[in-house]
Amino acid sequence: MSPKTFLPETRALRILQYTVDKIHSLGSLFKEGLRISTQKTKFIIIQKPRIELVTLSHPLVIANNTIPQVDTVKVLGLLSHFRHSWLPHIGVAEAKCLRALNIFEILSHPTHECNRNRLVDILQKVFHFSTST
């Protein structure tokens, strides 16, 4: 194999590591600008649904810390799954809604003696919407 011939995975890994290093070094140029948390940084490989999970042969490193590969990553409140699936995001949203509805169900029981206006106020605060009357 000649020196200019690389395996696709090796070349992609080198380019990816080079990019991570450049982003990390760019942060050191600013006194109070871009800072990368090595504890919070994760990466995900997005791939076709029917292919086995791809793992890298060598780990990605930032500031002498290994960046872990995960199946799901949360960015701006949206959960992204490595197989382009919305199921993890829908599951978390459903669990939050069910918790809020369970609170409402308990408060609406006659033994709590919570009047209608009070329940509407609670609903508006929980779900952040306003009713038009």
Foldseek 3Di string as FASTA:
>chain_A
DDPVDDDPLVVVLVVVLVVLAVLCVVVVVDPPDDDDDLVQAADEAADAQPDPGDDRPDFRDDPNHGHYYDQWDADPNQIAGSHRDRVVVVVVVVVLVVVLVVVLVVCPDVVNVDDPVNSQVSVCVSVVDDDDD
